[in-house]
N, C-alpha and C. Protein backbone atom coordinates (compact mmCIF):
# COMPACT_ATOMS: atom_id res chain seq x y z
N UNK A 1 0.64 128.23 139.79
CA UNK A 1 -0.61 127.93 139.28
C UNK A 1 -1.71 127.80 140.27
N UNK A 2 -2.88 128.52 139.83
CA UNK A 2 -3.97 128.48 140.74
C UNK A 2 -5.03 127.36 140.31
N UNK A 3 -5.23 126.54 141.15
CA UNK A 3 -6.27 125.39 140.88
C UNK A 3 -7.59 125.82 141.18
N UNK A 4 -8.44 125.85 140.12
CA UNK A 4 -9.92 126.19 140.32
C UNK A 4 -10.77 124.98 140.57
N UNK A 5 -11.46 124.96 141.63
CA UNK A 5 -12.22 123.78 141.88
C UNK A 5 -13.61 123.99 141.27
N UNK A 6 -13.86 123.12 140.29
CA UNK A 6 -15.23 123.13 139.72
C UNK A 6 -16.15 122.28 140.49
N UNK A 7 -17.45 122.62 140.50
CA UNK A 7 -18.35 121.85 141.31
C UNK A 7 -19.66 121.94 140.63
N UNK A 8 -20.58 121.02 141.16
CA UNK A 8 -21.91 121.10 140.71
C UNK A 8 -22.80 120.85 141.76
N UNK A 9 -23.99 121.67 141.82
CA UNK A 9 -24.93 121.48 142.90
C UNK A 9 -26.34 121.57 142.44
N UNK A 10 -27.30 120.90 143.21
CA UNK A 10 -28.68 121.03 142.89
C UNK A 10 -29.33 121.72 144.03
N UNK A 11 -30.01 122.79 143.70
CA UNK A 11 -30.69 123.54 144.71
C UNK A 11 -32.24 123.33 144.55
N UNK A 12 -33.07 123.24 145.66
CA UNK A 12 -34.43 123.21 145.67
C UNK A 12 -34.85 124.37 146.49
N UNK A 13 -35.62 125.37 145.84
CA UNK A 13 -35.98 126.56 146.43
C UNK A 13 -37.53 126.54 146.67
N UNK A 14 -37.89 126.73 147.85
CA UNK A 14 -39.39 126.66 148.15
C UNK A 14 -39.83 128.08 148.71
N UNK A 15 -41.09 128.24 148.64
CA UNK A 15 -41.79 129.50 148.99
C UNK A 15 -42.53 130.01 147.81
N UNK A 16 -42.82 131.35 147.80
CA UNK A 16 -43.55 131.93 146.63
C UNK A 16 -42.44 132.32 145.56
N UNK A 17 -42.18 131.22 144.77
CA UNK A 17 -41.00 131.27 143.73
C UNK A 17 -41.48 131.05 142.28
N UNK A 18 -42.66 130.80 142.14
CA UNK A 18 -43.17 130.61 140.67
C UNK A 18 -44.09 131.79 140.37
N UNK A 19 -43.88 132.28 139.14
CA UNK A 19 -44.80 133.48 138.65
C UNK A 19 -44.23 134.77 139.23
N UNK A 20 -42.88 134.84 139.69
CA UNK A 20 -42.54 136.08 140.32
C UNK A 20 -41.18 136.42 139.64
N UNK A 21 -40.85 135.94 138.46
CA UNK A 21 -39.52 136.06 137.75
C UNK A 21 -38.38 135.48 138.43
N UNK A 22 -38.68 134.41 139.28
CA UNK A 22 -37.54 133.84 139.85
C UNK A 22 -36.51 133.16 138.97
N UNK A 23 -36.94 132.43 137.98
CA UNK A 23 -36.12 131.72 137.12
C UNK A 23 -35.37 132.65 136.17
N UNK A 24 -36.01 133.70 135.66
CA UNK A 24 -35.26 134.70 134.80
C UNK A 24 -34.22 135.39 135.61
N UNK A 25 -34.58 135.85 136.84
CA UNK A 25 -33.65 136.50 137.78
C UNK A 25 -32.56 135.54 138.04
N UNK A 26 -32.84 134.30 138.39
CA UNK A 26 -31.72 133.37 138.64
C UNK A 26 -30.84 133.13 137.49
N UNK A 27 -31.42 133.02 136.31
CA UNK A 27 -30.43 132.94 135.05
C UNK A 27 -29.61 134.13 135.05
N UNK A 28 -30.08 135.28 135.15
CA UNK A 28 -29.26 136.47 135.10
C UNK A 28 -28.11 136.51 136.08
N UNK A 29 -28.37 136.05 137.29
CA UNK A 29 -27.41 135.99 138.39
C UNK A 29 -26.32 134.83 138.07
N UNK A 30 -26.93 133.79 137.61
CA UNK A 30 -25.93 132.62 137.21
C UNK A 30 -24.96 133.16 136.15
N UNK A 31 -25.54 133.76 135.12
CA UNK A 31 -24.61 134.26 134.01
C UNK A 31 -23.59 135.28 134.60
N UNK A 32 -24.11 136.13 135.43
CA UNK A 32 -23.07 137.09 136.00
C UNK A 32 -21.90 136.31 136.78
N UNK A 33 -22.20 135.18 137.38
CA UNK A 33 -21.27 134.31 138.05
C UNK A 33 -20.59 133.35 137.25
N UNK A 34 -20.89 133.32 135.98
CA UNK A 34 -20.28 132.42 134.96
C UNK A 34 -20.69 130.97 135.32
N UNK A 35 -21.84 130.75 135.72
CA UNK A 35 -22.35 129.39 135.91
C UNK A 35 -23.15 128.87 134.80
N UNK A 36 -23.09 127.59 134.63
CA UNK A 36 -23.93 126.89 133.70
C UNK A 36 -24.99 126.13 134.44
N UNK A 37 -26.11 125.82 133.71
CA UNK A 37 -27.08 124.91 134.42
C UNK A 37 -28.48 125.33 134.04
N UNK A 38 -29.40 125.11 134.83
CA UNK A 38 -30.85 125.47 134.61
C UNK A 38 -31.62 125.81 135.94
N UNK A 39 -32.82 126.42 135.61
CA UNK A 39 -33.73 126.59 136.78
C UNK A 39 -35.05 126.18 136.16
N UNK A 40 -35.80 125.29 136.88
CA UNK A 40 -37.17 124.97 136.38
C UNK A 40 -38.23 124.82 137.48
N UNK A 41 -39.48 125.23 137.03
CA UNK A 41 -40.50 125.14 137.96
C UNK A 41 -40.85 123.62 138.18
N UNK A 42 -41.15 123.26 139.48
CA UNK A 42 -41.50 121.97 139.75
C UNK A 42 -42.99 121.82 140.04
N UNK A 43 -43.67 120.71 139.94
CA UNK A 43 -45.15 120.63 140.14
C UNK A 43 -45.50 121.02 141.53
N UNK A 44 -44.68 120.84 142.54
CA UNK A 44 -45.06 121.17 143.92
C UNK A 44 -44.79 122.73 144.17
N UNK A 45 -44.57 123.52 143.24
CA UNK A 45 -44.52 124.80 143.51
C UNK A 45 -43.18 125.46 143.79
N UNK A 46 -42.11 124.53 143.84
CA UNK A 46 -40.76 124.83 144.11
C UNK A 46 -40.01 125.18 142.84
N UNK A 47 -38.87 125.67 142.93
CA UNK A 47 -37.98 125.75 141.72
C UNK A 47 -36.71 124.89 142.00
N UNK A 48 -36.39 124.10 141.02
CA UNK A 48 -35.17 123.29 140.98
C UNK A 48 -34.11 123.99 140.19
N UNK A 49 -32.95 124.02 140.68
CA UNK A 49 -31.80 124.65 139.90
C UNK A 49 -30.56 123.85 139.98
N UNK A 50 -29.96 123.40 138.95
CA UNK A 50 -28.59 122.74 138.94
C UNK A 50 -27.74 123.66 138.33
N UNK A 51 -26.65 123.81 138.94
CA UNK A 51 -25.53 124.80 138.47
C UNK A 51 -24.14 124.10 138.54
N UNK A 52 -23.38 124.47 137.52
CA UNK A 52 -22.02 123.99 137.44
C UNK A 52 -21.10 125.13 137.24
N UNK A 53 -20.00 125.11 138.00
CA UNK A 53 -18.99 126.25 138.01
C UNK A 53 -18.02 126.22 139.17
N UNK A 54 -17.51 127.30 139.43
CA UNK A 54 -16.55 127.30 140.69
C UNK A 54 -17.34 127.29 141.98
N UNK A 55 -16.84 126.36 142.84
CA UNK A 55 -17.58 126.30 144.07
C UNK A 55 -17.92 127.64 144.82
N UNK A 56 -16.98 128.48 144.76
CA UNK A 56 -17.23 129.82 145.55
C UNK A 56 -18.38 130.60 144.77
N UNK A 57 -18.48 130.44 143.44
CA UNK A 57 -19.57 131.16 142.74
C UNK A 57 -20.83 130.41 142.88
N UNK A 58 -20.92 129.13 143.05
CA UNK A 58 -22.16 128.39 143.32
C UNK A 58 -22.67 128.85 144.69
N UNK A 59 -21.67 129.04 145.66
CA UNK A 59 -22.12 129.47 147.02
C UNK A 59 -22.74 130.81 146.94
N UNK A 60 -22.24 131.77 146.08
CA UNK A 60 -22.75 133.08 145.96
C UNK A 60 -24.25 133.04 145.33
N UNK A 61 -24.25 132.11 144.34
CA UNK A 61 -25.61 131.89 143.74
C UNK A 61 -26.63 131.29 144.76
N UNK A 62 -26.20 130.33 145.61
CA UNK A 62 -27.11 129.80 146.57
C UNK A 62 -27.55 130.92 147.55
N UNK A 63 -26.64 131.79 147.93
CA UNK A 63 -26.90 132.91 148.79
C UNK A 63 -27.92 133.97 148.05
N UNK A 64 -27.66 134.09 146.87
CA UNK A 64 -28.70 134.89 146.21
C UNK A 64 -30.11 134.26 146.13
N UNK A 65 -30.18 132.95 145.98
CA UNK A 65 -31.43 132.24 145.94
C UNK A 65 -32.16 132.35 147.27
N UNK A 66 -31.49 132.61 148.30
CA UNK A 66 -32.12 132.69 149.57
C UNK A 66 -32.92 133.93 149.58
N UNK A 67 -32.69 135.01 148.88
CA UNK A 67 -33.42 136.15 148.76
C UNK A 67 -34.35 136.11 147.57
N UNK A 68 -33.65 135.84 146.36
CA UNK A 68 -34.45 135.86 145.11
C UNK A 68 -34.78 137.28 144.65
N UNK A 69 -35.59 137.45 143.72
CA UNK A 69 -36.02 138.65 143.13
C UNK A 69 -36.88 139.40 144.12
N UNK A 70 -37.25 140.67 144.01
CA UNK A 70 -38.02 141.41 144.99
C UNK A 70 -39.43 140.72 145.22
N UNK A 71 -39.93 140.21 144.09
CA UNK A 71 -41.42 139.78 144.20
C UNK A 71 -41.47 138.34 144.83
N UNK A 72 -40.32 137.71 145.04
CA UNK A 72 -40.37 136.26 145.61
C UNK A 72 -40.39 136.28 147.05
N UNK A 73 -40.96 135.31 147.72
CA UNK A 73 -40.77 135.01 149.16
C UNK A 73 -40.12 133.72 149.37
N UNK A 74 -38.90 133.64 149.65
CA UNK A 74 -38.18 132.29 149.63
C UNK A 74 -38.24 131.73 151.12
N UNK A 75 -38.77 130.57 151.22
CA UNK A 75 -38.82 129.89 152.52
C UNK A 75 -37.61 129.06 152.86
N UNK A 76 -37.03 128.36 151.89
CA UNK A 76 -35.84 127.64 152.12
C UNK A 76 -35.08 127.29 150.83
N UNK A 77 -33.83 127.04 150.97
CA UNK A 77 -32.99 126.65 149.85
C UNK A 77 -32.23 125.40 150.27
N UNK A 78 -32.54 124.32 149.81
CA UNK A 78 -31.80 123.10 150.05
C UNK A 78 -30.66 122.83 148.92
N UNK A 79 -29.48 122.69 149.36
CA UNK A 79 -28.39 122.49 148.30
C UNK A 79 -27.82 121.20 148.50
N UNK A 80 -27.65 120.42 147.51
CA UNK A 80 -26.96 119.15 147.51
C UNK A 80 -25.75 119.13 146.48
N UNK A 81 -24.62 118.90 146.92
CA UNK A 81 -23.57 118.82 146.02
C UNK A 81 -23.48 117.46 145.28
N UNK A 82 -23.22 117.56 143.89
CA UNK A 82 -23.24 116.41 143.07
C UNK A 82 -21.90 116.21 142.36
N UNK A 83 -21.74 115.05 141.73
CA UNK A 83 -20.60 114.84 140.90
C UNK A 83 -20.76 115.72 139.75
N UNK A 84 -19.57 116.33 139.34
CA UNK A 84 -19.49 117.23 138.22
C UNK A 84 -20.04 116.60 136.94
N UNK A 85 -20.90 117.33 136.17
CA UNK A 85 -21.39 116.80 134.98
C UNK A 85 -21.10 117.86 133.94
N UNK A 86 -20.11 117.71 133.10
CA UNK A 86 -19.62 118.72 132.25
C UNK A 86 -20.46 118.81 130.95
N UNK A 87 -21.59 118.15 130.96
CA UNK A 87 -22.48 118.16 129.84
C UNK A 87 -23.33 119.53 129.86
N UNK A 88 -23.40 120.30 130.89
CA UNK A 88 -24.17 121.48 131.05
C UNK A 88 -23.50 122.54 130.16
N UNK A 89 -24.33 123.30 129.28
CA UNK A 89 -23.87 124.31 128.54
C UNK A 89 -24.91 125.41 128.60
N UNK A 90 -24.36 126.54 128.87
CA UNK A 90 -25.25 127.77 129.00
C UNK A 90 -26.10 127.69 130.24
N UNK A 91 -27.23 128.48 130.32
CA UNK A 91 -28.08 128.40 131.32
C UNK A 91 -29.55 128.50 130.89
N UNK A 92 -30.37 127.59 131.19
CA UNK A 92 -31.65 127.47 130.59
C UNK A 92 -32.71 127.61 131.67
N UNK A 93 -33.99 128.04 131.29
CA UNK A 93 -35.04 128.08 132.23
C UNK A 93 -36.21 127.16 131.60
N UNK A 94 -36.86 126.48 132.46
CA UNK A 94 -37.97 125.58 132.02
C UNK A 94 -39.22 125.96 132.75
């Protein structure tokens, strides 16, 4: 049996990440990686994303967030691992 480690993380992405299709692109990448969660614009101009899935896939998603879509300019990605919350379904953008 292969044990799959499920995890949940919150990412805060700063830089030019609003109005550049960051959230839609993040949703597409998350769906490709079979992650659930959300990405939303924050009042300070950053994007917050919470994702639930396999730890390895979350790490791939975080790596993608460091680049973002072509029109974004990412300054930093802060990731904090959280207790798993199985209430997340699908991937939403706000």
